[in-house]
Amino acid sequence: MPIIVNLDVMMAKRKMSSGELAEKVGISQANLSILKTGKAKAVRFSTLEAICKALDCQPGDILEYQPPDV
């Protein structure tokens, strides 16, 4: 998948656990896990905004585009 989710990296930089982030964002730990593993097909802007607010980061710190190898 060409979109890479670096949520684990930002969480580690901010020393924040999955449970703490899920609570601050207002989503379940299961949904947060789906986001972290890159298995999510979509993310709401409101969720992305809440994650960025909780982690004090920009969307580009979490999401990265990597072109597929052709």
C-alpha atoms as a PDB file:
ATOM      1  CA  MET A   1       0.000   0.000   0.000  1.00  0.00           C
ATOM      2  CA  PRO A   2       1.488   3.363  -0.975  1.00  0.00           C
ATOM      3  CA  ILE A   3       0.213   5.179   2.132  1.00  0.00           C
ATOM      4  CA  ILE A   4       2.412   4.477   5.166  1.00  0.00           C
ATOM      5  CA  VAL A   5       1.047   5.198   8.651  1.00  0.00           C
ATOM      6  CA  ASN A   6       3.730   6.351  11.087  1.00  0.00           C
ATOM      7  CA  LEU A   7       1.445   6.607  14.086  1.00  0.00           C
ATOM      8  CA  ASP A   8       3.661   4.291  16.166  1.00  0.00           C
ATOM      9  CA  VAL A   9       6.638   6.579  15.582  1.00  0.00           C
ATOM     10  CA  MET A  10       4.794   9.694  16.764  1.00  0.00           C
ATOM     11  CA  MET A  11       3.361   7.870  19.761  1.00  0.00           C
ATOM     12  CA  ALA A  12       6.853   6.727  20.751  1.00  0.00           C
ATOM     13  CA  LYS A  13       8.247  10.259  20.328  1.00  0.00           C
ATOM     14  CA  ARG A  14       5.483  11.614  22.584  1.00  0.00           C
ATOM     15  CA  LYS A  15       5.769   8.656  24.998  1.00  0.00           C
ATOM     16  CA  MET A  16       2.033   8.005  24.697  1.00  0.00           C
ATOM     17  CA  SER A  17       0.397   4.586  24.977  1.00  0.00           C
ATOM     18  CA  SER A  18      -2.320   3.316  22.669  1.00  0.00           C
ATOM     19  CA  GLY A  19      -4.840   3.387  25.499  1.00  0.00           C
ATOM     20  CA  GLU A  20      -4.028   6.982  26.371  1.00  0.00           C
ATOM     21  CA  LEU A  21      -4.224   8.143  22.750  1.00  0.00           C
ATOM     22  CA  ALA A  22      -7.471   6.261  22.118  1.00  0.00           C
ATOM     23  CA  GLU A  23      -9.019   7.919  25.170  1.00  0.00           C
ATOM     24  CA  LYS A  24      -7.851  11.415  24.178  1.00  0.00           C
ATOM     25  CA  VAL A  25      -9.061  10.971  20.590  1.00  0.00           C
ATOM     26  CA  GLY A  26     -12.339   9.318  21.548  1.00  0.00           C
ATOM     27  CA  ILE A  27     -11.971   6.103  19.530  1.00  0.00           C
ATOM     28  CA  SER A  28     -11.696   2.488  20.603  1.00  0.00           C
ATOM     29  CA  GLN A  29      -8.314   0.823  21.012  1.00  0.00           C
ATOM     30  CA  ALA A  30      -9.371  -1.645  18.315  1.00  0.00           C
ATOM     31  CA  ASN A  31      -9.955   1.179  15.799  1.00  0.00           C
ATOM     32  CA  LEU A  32      -6.677   2.810  16.802  1.00  0.00           C
ATOM     33  CA  SER A  33      -4.922  -0.509  16.189  1.00  0.00           C
ATOM     34  CA  ILE A  34      -6.458  -0.689  12.708  1.00  0.00           C
ATOM     35  CA  LEU A  35      -5.084   2.785  11.985  1.00  0.00           C
ATOM     36  CA  LYS A  36      -1.639   1.955  13.405  1.00  0.00           C
ATOM     37  CA  THR A  37      -1.258  -1.188  11.311  1.00  0.00           C
ATOM     38  CA  GLY A  38      -2.255   0.597   8.111  1.00  0.00           C
ATOM     39  CA  LYS A  39      -5.281  -1.646   7.598  1.00  0.00           C
ATOM     40  CA  ALA A  40      -7.758   1.238   7.644  1.00  0.00           C
ATOM     41  CA  LYS A  41      -9.331   2.068   4.288  1.00  0.00           C
ATOM     42  CA  ALA A  42     -10.203   5.619   5.365  1.00  0.00           C
ATOM     43  CA  VAL A  43      -9.794   8.050   8.222  1.00  0.00           C
ATOM     44  CA  ARG A  44     -12.140  10.894   9.074  1.00  0.00           C
ATOM     45  CA  PHE A  45     -10.626  14.349   9.121  1.00  0.00           C
ATOM     46  CA  SER A  46     -12.099  14.860  12.578  1.00  0.00           C
ATOM     47  CA  THR A  47     -10.232  11.764  13.824  1.00  0.00           C
ATOM     48  CA  LEU A  48      -7.008  12.870  12.136  1.00  0.00           C
ATOM     49  CA  GLU A  49      -7.431  16.322  13.673  1.00  0.00           C
ATOM     50  CA  ALA A  50      -7.932  14.822  17.147  1.00  0.00           C
ATOM     51  CA  ILE A  51      -4.851  12.587  16.740  1.00  0.00           C
ATOM     52  CA  CYS A  52      -2.736  15.544  15.617  1.00  0.00           C
ATOM     53  CA  LYS A  53      -3.996  17.622  18.542  1.00  0.00           C
ATOM     54  CA  ALA A  54      -3.277  14.846  21.061  1.00  0.00           C
ATOM     55  CA  LEU A  55       0.210  14.184  19.645  1.00  0.00           C
ATOM     56  CA  ASP A  56       0.983  17.850  18.862  1.00  0.00           C
ATOM     57  CA  CYS A  57       1.954  17.036  15.281  1.00  0.00           C
ATOM     58  CA  GLN A  58       0.980  17.593  11.659  1.00  0.00           C
ATOM     59  CA  PRO A  59      -0.887  15.089   9.428  1.00  0.00           C
ATOM     60  CA  GLY A  60       2.319  14.648   7.413  1.00  0.00           C
ATOM     61  CA  ASP A  61       4.055  13.396  10.551  1.00  0.00           C
ATOM     62  CA  ILE A  62       1.595  10.498  10.646  1.00  0.00           C
ATOM     63  CA  LEU A  63       0.817   9.790   6.976  1.00  0.00           C
ATOM     64  CA  GLU A  64       3.398   9.301   4.248  1.00  0.00           C
ATOM     65  CA  TYR A  65       3.061   8.514   0.552  1.00  0.00           C
ATOM     66  CA  GLN A  66       5.460   5.937  -0.822  1.00  0.00           C
ATOM     67  CA  PRO A  67       5.096   5.142  -4.539  1.00  0.00           C
ATOM     68  CA  PRO A  68       4.693   1.439  -5.277  1.00  0.00           C
ATOM     69  CA  ASP A  69       7.628  -0.345  -6.893  1.00  0.00           C
ATOM     70  CA  VAL A  70       6.889  -0.884 -10.541  1.00  0.00           C
END
